PDB file of N, CA and C in Angstrom:
ATOM      1  N   UNK A   1     161.143-125.167 102.397  1.00  0.00           N
ATOM      2  CA  UNK A   1     161.371-123.893 103.051  1.00  0.00           C
ATOM      3  C   UNK A   1     160.213-122.929 102.805  1.00  0.00           C
ATOM      4  N   UNK A   2     159.390-123.205 101.809  1.00  0.00           N
ATOM      5  CA  UNK A   2     158.313-122.282 101.450  1.00  0.00           C
ATOM      6  C   UNK A   2     157.372-122.011 102.613  1.00  0.00           C
ATOM      7  N   UNK A   3     157.001-123.031 103.353  1.00  0.00           N
ATOM      8  CA  UNK A   3     156.040-122.865 104.439  1.00  0.00           C
ATOM      9  C   UNK A   3     156.674-122.939 105.826  1.00  0.00           C
ATOM     10  N   UNK A   4     157.981-122.872 105.920  1.00  0.00           N
ATOM     11  CA  UNK A   4     158.611-123.005 107.231  1.00  0.00           C
ATOM     12  C   UNK A   4     158.161-121.924 108.206  1.00  0.00           C
ATOM     13  N   UNK A   5     158.000-120.709 107.728  1.00  0.00           N
ATOM     14  CA  UNK A   5     157.546-119.628 108.609  1.00  0.00           C
ATOM     15  C   UNK A   5     156.123-119.883 109.084  1.00  0.00           C
ATOM     16  N   UNK A   6     155.271-120.373 108.189  1.00  0.00           N
ATOM     17  CA  UNK A   6     153.904-120.686 108.591  1.00  0.00           C
ATOM     18  C   UNK A   6     153.873-121.805 109.626  1.00  0.00           C
ATOM     19  N   UNK A   7     154.733-122.788 109.482  1.00  0.00           N
ATOM     20  CA  UNK A   7     154.811-123.858 110.477  1.00  0.00           C
ATOM     21  C   UNK A   7     155.243-123.274 111.817  1.00  0.00           C
ATOM     22  N   UNK A   8     156.304-122.482 111.813  1.00  0.00           N
ATOM     23  CA  UNK A   8     156.810-121.920 113.068  1.00  0.00           C
ATOM     24  C   UNK A   8     155.800-121.000 113.749  1.00  0.00           C
ATOM     25  N   UNK A   9     155.056-120.240 112.963  1.00  0.00           N
ATOM     26  CA  UNK A   9     154.135-119.263 113.542  1.00  0.00           C
ATOM     27  C   UNK A   9     152.743-119.799 113.847  1.00  0.00           C
ATOM     28  N   UNK A  10     152.354-120.910 113.240  1.00  0.00           N
ATOM     29  CA  UNK A  10     150.964-121.322 113.342  1.00  0.00           C
ATOM     30  C   UNK A  10     150.705-122.726 113.860  1.00  0.00           C
ATOM     31  N   UNK A  11     151.698-123.583 113.877  1.00  0.00           N
ATOM     32  CA  UNK A  11     151.492-124.933 114.394  1.00  0.00           C
ATOM     33  C   UNK A  11     151.707-124.895 115.905  1.00  0.00           C
ATOM     34  N   UNK A  12     150.738-125.404 116.623  1.00  0.00           N
ATOM     35  CA  UNK A  12     150.800-125.391 118.094  1.00  0.00           C
ATOM     36  C   UNK A  12     150.961-126.812 118.618  1.00  0.00           C
ATOM     37  N   UNK A  13     151.770-126.954 119.638  1.00  0.00           N
ATOM     38  CA  UNK A  13     152.024-128.246 120.253  1.00  0.00           C
ATOM     39  C   UNK A  13     151.642-128.180 121.730  1.00  0.00           C
ATOM     40  N   UNK A  14     151.328-129.339 122.338  1.00  0.00           N
ATOM     41  CA  UNK A  14     151.030-129.339 123.781  1.00  0.00           C
ATOM     42  C   UNK A  14     152.249-128.879 124.577  1.00  0.00           C
ATOM     43  N   UNK A  15     151.994-128.353 125.752  1.00  0.00           N
ATOM     44  CA  UNK A  15     153.085-127.858 126.595  1.00  0.00           C
ATOM     45  C   UNK A  15     154.149-128.916 126.862  1.00  0.00           C
ATOM     46  N   UNK A  16     153.747-130.165 126.976  1.00  0.00           N
ATOM     47  CA  UNK A  16     154.696-131.225 127.325  1.00  0.00           C
ATOM     48  C   UNK A  16     155.155-132.035 126.115  1.00  0.00           C
ATOM     49  N   UNK A  17     155.117-131.445 124.920  1.00  0.00           N
ATOM     50  CA  UNK A  17     155.482-132.218 123.730  1.00  0.00           C
ATOM     51  C   UNK A  17     156.939-132.640 123.739  1.00  0.00           C
ATOM     52  N   UNK A  18     157.784-131.906 124.423  1.00  0.00           N
ATOM     53  CA  UNK A  18     159.198-132.288 124.539  1.00  0.00           C
ATOM     54  C   UNK A  18     159.336-133.634 125.256  1.00  0.00           C
ATOM     55  N   UNK A  19     158.503-133.840 126.256  1.00  0.00           N
ATOM     56  CA  UNK A  19     158.551-135.084 127.022  1.00  0.00           C
ATOM     57  C   UNK A  19     157.809-136.222 126.315  1.00  0.00           C
ATOM     58  N   UNK A  20     156.718-135.890 125.642  1.00  0.00           N
ATOM     59  CA  UNK A  20     155.919-136.910 124.962  1.00  0.00           C
ATOM     60  C   UNK A  20     156.626-137.467 123.728  1.00  0.00           C
ATOM     61  N   UNK A  21     157.244-136.591 122.955  1.00  0.00           N
ATOM     62  CA  UNK A  21     157.866-136.984 121.690  1.00  0.00           C
ATOM     63  C   UNK A  21     159.271-136.390 121.591  1.00  0.00           C
ATOM     64  N   UNK A  22     160.210-136.866 122.405  1.00  0.00           N
ATOM     65  CA  UNK A  22     161.535-136.246 122.469  1.00  0.00           C
ATOM     66  C   UNK A  22     162.302-136.261 121.139  1.00  0.00           C
ATOM     67  N   UNK A  23     162.196-137.323 120.360  1.00  0.00           N
ATOM     68  CA  UNK A  23     162.918-137.370 119.092  1.00  0.00           C
ATOM     69  C   UNK A  23     162.340-136.367 118.096  1.00  0.00           C
ATOM     70  N   UNK A  24     161.029-136.263 118.072  1.00  0.00           N
ATOM     71  CA  UNK A  24     160.370-135.295 117.194  1.00  0.00           C
ATOM     72  C   UNK A  24     160.731-133.874 117.626  1.00  0.00           C
ATOM     73  N   UNK A  25     160.668-133.618 118.925  1.00  0.00           N
ATOM     74  CA  UNK A  25     161.032-132.304 119.467  1.00  0.00           C
ATOM     75  C   UNK A  25     162.460-131.930 119.066  1.00  0.00           C
ATOM     76  N   UNK A  26     163.368-132.877 119.243  1.00  0.00           N
ATOM     77  CA  UNK A  26     164.774-132.625 118.904  1.00  0.00           C
ATOM     78  C   UNK A  26     164.935-132.310 117.420  1.00  0.00           C
ATOM     79  N   UNK A  27     164.294-133.094 116.578  1.00  0.00           N
ATOM     80  CA  UNK A  27     164.400-132.876 115.130  1.00  0.00           C
ATOM     81  C   UNK A  27     163.824-131.522 114.728  1.00  0.00           C
ATOM     82  N   UNK A  28     162.719-131.135 115.325  1.00  0.00           N
ATOM     83  CA  UNK A  28     162.085-129.865 114.985  1.00  0.00           C
ATOM     84  C   UNK A  28     162.887-128.668 115.493  1.00  0.00           C
ATOM     85  N   UNK A  29     163.564-128.828 116.591  1.00  0.00           N
ATOM     86  CA  UNK A  29     164.260-127.696 117.202  1.00  0.00           C
ATOM     87  C   UNK A  29     165.740-127.600 116.855  1.00  0.00           C
ATOM     88  N   UNK A  30     166.270-128.563 116.140  1.00  0.00           N
ATOM     89  CA  UNK A  30     167.678-128.497 115.760  1.00  0.00           C
ATOM     90  C   UNK A  30     167.862-128.435 114.248  1.00  0.00           C
ATOM     91  N   UNK A  31     166.765-128.445 113.503  1.00  0.00           N
ATOM     92  CA  UNK A  31     166.855-128.406 112.036  1.00  0.00           C
ATOM     93  C   UNK A  31     167.520-127.114 111.590  1.00  0.00           C
ATOM     94  N   UNK A  32     168.426-127.228 110.636  1.00  0.00           N
ATOM     95  CA  UNK A  32     169.102-126.064 110.063  1.00  0.00           C
ATOM     96  C   UNK A  32     168.838-126.030 108.563  1.00  0.00           C
ATOM     97  N   UNK A  33     168.575-124.858 108.061  1.00  0.00           N
ATOM     98  CA  UNK A  33     168.297-124.703 106.633  1.00  0.00           C
ATOM     99  C   UNK A  33     169.401-125.328 105.787  1.00  0.00           C
ATOM    100  N   UNK A  34     170.611-125.008 106.113  1.00  0.00           N
ATOM    101  CA  UNK A  34     171.768-125.608 105.458  1.00  0.00           C
ATOM    102  C   UNK A  34     172.673-126.119 106.561  1.00  0.00           C
ATOM    103  N   UNK A  35     173.006-127.363 106.497  1.00  0.00           N
ATOM    104  CA  UNK A  35     173.874-127.866 107.547  1.00  0.00           C
ATOM    105  C   UNK A  35     173.837-129.362 107.659  1.00  0.00           C
ATOM    106  N   UNK A  36     174.149-129.801 108.828  1.00  0.00           N
ATOM    107  CA  UNK A  36     174.316-131.221 109.083  1.00  0.00           C
ATOM    108  C   UNK A  36     173.068-131.809 109.737  1.00  0.00           C
ATOM    109  N   UNK A  37     171.972-131.831 109.004  1.00  0.00           N
ATOM    110  CA  UNK A  37     170.741-132.418 109.526  1.00  0.00           C
ATOM    111  C   UNK A  37     170.781-133.925 109.333  1.00  0.00           C
ATOM    112  N   UNK A  38     170.937-134.636 110.428  1.00  0.00           N
ATOM    113  CA  UNK A  38     170.961-136.090 110.348  1.00  0.00           C
ATOM    114  C   UNK A  38     169.595-136.601 109.896  1.00  0.00           C
ATOM    115  N   UNK A  39     168.543-135.984 110.403  1.00  0.00           N
ATOM    116  CA  UNK A  39     167.186-136.368 110.037  1.00  0.00           C
ATOM    117  C   UNK A  39     166.380-135.107 109.761  1.00  0.00           C
ATOM    118  N   UNK A  40     165.636-135.126 108.676  1.00  0.00           N
ATOM    119  CA  UNK A  40     164.753-133.996 108.405  1.00  0.00           C
ATOM    120  C   UNK A  40     163.319-134.457 108.163  1.00  0.00           C
ATOM    121  N   UNK A  41     163.010-135.680 108.560  1.00  0.00           N
ATOM    122  CA  UNK A  41     161.666-136.212 108.359  1.00  0.00           C
ATOM    123  C   UNK A  41     160.612-135.446 109.153  1.00  0.00           C
ATOM    124  N   UNK A  42     160.905-135.086 110.385  1.00  0.00           N
ATOM    125  CA  UNK A  42     159.919-134.377 111.215  1.00  0.00           C
ATOM    126  C   UNK A  42     159.581-133.009 110.624  1.00  0.00           C
ATOM    127  N   UNK A  43     160.561-132.176 110.294  1.00  0.00           N
ATOM    128  CA  UNK A  43     160.224-130.888 109.681  1.00  0.00           C
ATOM    129  C   UNK A  43     159.521-131.056 108.328  1.00  0.00           C
ATOM    130  N   UNK A  44     159.975-132.012 107.526  1.00  0.00           N
ATOM    131  CA  UNK A  44     159.353-132.227 106.223  1.00  0.00           C
ATOM    132  C   UNK A  44     157.905-132.691 106.365  1.00  0.00           C
ATOM    133  N   UNK A  45     157.660-133.624 107.264  1.00  0.00           N
ATOM    134  CA  UNK A  45     156.308-134.142 107.455  1.00  0.00           C
ATOM    135  C   UNK A  45     155.380-133.070 108.023  1.00  0.00           C
ATOM    136  N   UNK A  46     155.878-132.282 108.951  1.00  0.00           N
ATOM    137  CA  UNK A  46     155.064-131.222 109.544  1.00  0.00           C
ATOM    138  C   UNK A  46     154.706-130.176 108.490  1.00  0.00           C
ATOM    139  N   UNK A  47     155.669-129.797 107.675  1.00  0.00           N
ATOM    140  CA  UNK A  47     155.410-128.850 106.596  1.00  0.00           C
ATOM    141  C   UNK A  47     154.434-129.448 105.595  1.00  0.00           C
ATOM    142  N   UNK A  48     154.581-130.731 105.297  1.00  0.00           N
ATOM    143  CA  UNK A  48     153.667-131.406 104.386  1.00  0.00           C
ATOM    144  C   UNK A  48     152.236-131.386 104.882  1.00  0.00           C
ATOM    145  N   UNK A  49     152.048-131.557 106.182  1.00  0.00           N
ATOM    146  CA  UNK A  49     150.698-131.489 106.763  1.00  0.00           C
ATOM    147  C   UNK A  49     150.095-130.098 106.587  1.00  0.00           C
ATOM    148  N   UNK A  50     150.889-129.074 106.828  1.00  0.00           N
ATOM    149  CA  UNK A  50     150.421-127.698 106.649  1.00  0.00           C
ATOM    150  C   UNK A  50     150.037-127.469 105.187  1.00  0.00           C
ATOM    151  N   UNK A  51     150.876-127.925 104.274  1.00  0.00           N
ATOM    152  CA  UNK A  51     150.592-127.740 102.854  1.00  0.00           C
ATOM    153  C   UNK A  51     149.350-128.507 102.422  1.00  0.00           C
ATOM    154  N   UNK A  52     149.176-129.713 102.928  1.00  0.00           N
ATOM    155  CA  UNK A  52     148.003-130.530 102.586  1.00  0.00           C
ATOM    156  C   UNK A  52     146.728-129.894 103.127  1.00  0.00           C
ATOM    157  N   UNK A  53     146.795-129.375 104.327  1.00  0.00           N
ATOM    158  CA  UNK A  53     145.617-128.793 104.961  1.00  0.00           C
ATOM    159  C   UNK A  53     145.238-127.439 104.387  1.00  0.00           C
ATOM    160  N   UNK A  54     146.228-126.635 104.035  1.00  0.00           N
ATOM    161  CA  UNK A  54     145.944-125.245 103.665  1.00  0.00           C
ATOM    162  C   UNK A  54     146.423-124.843 102.279  1.00  0.00           C
ATOM    163  N   UNK A  55     146.986-125.751 101.512  1.00  0.00           N
ATOM    164  CA  UNK A  55     147.496-125.409 100.196  1.00  0.00           C
ATOM    165  C   UNK A  55     149.006-125.268 100.231  1.00  0.00           C
ATOM    166  N   UNK A  56     149.596-125.163  99.061  1.00  0.00           N
ATOM    167  CA  UNK A  56     151.055-125.170  98.995  1.00  0.00           C
ATOM    168  C   UNK A  56     151.704-123.935  99.605  1.00  0.00           C
ATOM    169  N   UNK A  57     151.052-122.793  99.515  1.00  0.00           N
ATOM    170  CA  UNK A  57     151.571-121.576 100.145  1.00  0.00           C
ATOM    171  C   UNK A  57     150.407-120.900 100.836  1.00  0.00           C
ATOM    172  N   UNK A  58     150.555-120.642 102.124  1.00  0.00           N
ATOM    173  CA  UNK A  58     149.478-120.013 102.874  1.00  0.00           C
ATOM    174  C   UNK A  58     149.972-118.763 103.562  1.00  0.00           C
ATOM    175  N   UNK A  59     149.058-117.915 103.866  1.00  0.00           N
ATOM    176  CA  UNK A  59     149.345-116.739 104.666  1.00  0.00           C
ATOM    177  C   UNK A  59     148.668-116.967 106.021  1.00  0.00           C
ATOM    178  N   UNK A  60     149.280-116.500 107.070  1.00  0.00           N
ATOM    179  CA  UNK A  60     148.720-116.686 108.402  1.00  0.00           C
ATOM    180  C   UNK A  60     147.305-116.152 108.484  1.00  0.00           C
ATOM    181  N   UNK A  61     146.991-115.107 107.743  1.00  0.00           N
ATOM    182  CA  UNK A  61     145.656-114.516 107.789  1.00  0.00           C
ATOM    183  C   UNK A  61     144.591-115.441 107.197  1.00  0.00           C
ATOM    184  N   UNK A  62     145.005-116.465 106.452  1.00  0.00           N
ATOM    185  CA  UNK A  62     144.059-117.393 105.860  1.00  0.00           C
ATOM    186  C   UNK A  62     143.614-118.479 106.833  1.00  0.00           C
ATOM    187  N   UNK A  63     144.266-118.604 107.978  1.00  0.00           N
ATOM    188  CA  UNK A  63     143.976-119.665 108.922  1.00  0.00           C
ATOM    189  C   UNK A  63     143.106-119.113 110.049  1.00  0.00           C
ATOM    190  N   UNK A  64     142.001-119.788 110.276  1.00  0.00           N
ATOM    191  CA  UNK A  64     141.139-119.392 111.394  1.00  0.00           C
ATOM    192  C   UNK A  64     141.164-120.484 112.457  1.00  0.00           C
ATOM    193  N   UNK A  65     140.704-120.153 113.625  1.00  0.00           N
ATOM    194  CA  UNK A  65     140.622-121.138 114.701  1.00  0.00           C
ATOM    195  C   UNK A  65     139.734-122.312 114.266  1.00  0.00           C
ATOM    196  N   UNK A  66     138.688-122.025 113.513  1.00  0.00           N
ATOM    197  CA  UNK A  66     137.803-123.083 113.022  1.00  0.00           C
ATOM    198  C   UNK A  66     138.507-124.041 112.087  1.00  0.00           C
ATOM    199  N   UNK A  67     139.425-123.535 111.262  1.00  0.00           N
ATOM    200  CA  UNK A  67     140.198-124.386 110.372  1.00  0.00           C
ATOM    201  C   UNK A  67     141.009-125.399 111.157  1.00  0.00           C
ATOM    202  N   UNK A  68     141.422-125.026 112.346  1.00  0.00           N
ATOM    203  CA  UNK A  68     142.240-125.871 113.193  1.00  0.00           C
ATOM    204  C   UNK A  68     141.426-126.720 114.160  1.00  0.00           C
ATOM    205  N   UNK A  69     140.103-126.611 114.063  1.00  0.00           N
ATOM    206  CA  UNK A  69     139.242-127.360 114.953  1.00  0.00           C
ATOM    207  C   UNK A  69     139.170-126.782 116.356  1.00  0.00           C
ATOM    208  N   UNK A  70     139.443-125.499 116.482  1.00  0.00           N
ATOM    209  CA  UNK A  70     139.431-124.852 117.801  1.00  0.00           C
ATOM    210  C   UNK A  70     138.166-124.030 117.990  1.00  0.00           C
TER     211      UNK A  70
END
């Protein structure tokens, strides 16, 4: 949960990601902090990528377009 806000605010997906990766899309958009999450691998893996790339806790101001390869 530490980086969930950073994931939501800073990770960008292609416009058609719902069609390209429907299971991933579903897992990312139905995850609940507390509840009946059948699968949480997608949110966990996505958060792990953010943490690996930018450290365990990041602030949005620390991320530049260059960091993202843009």
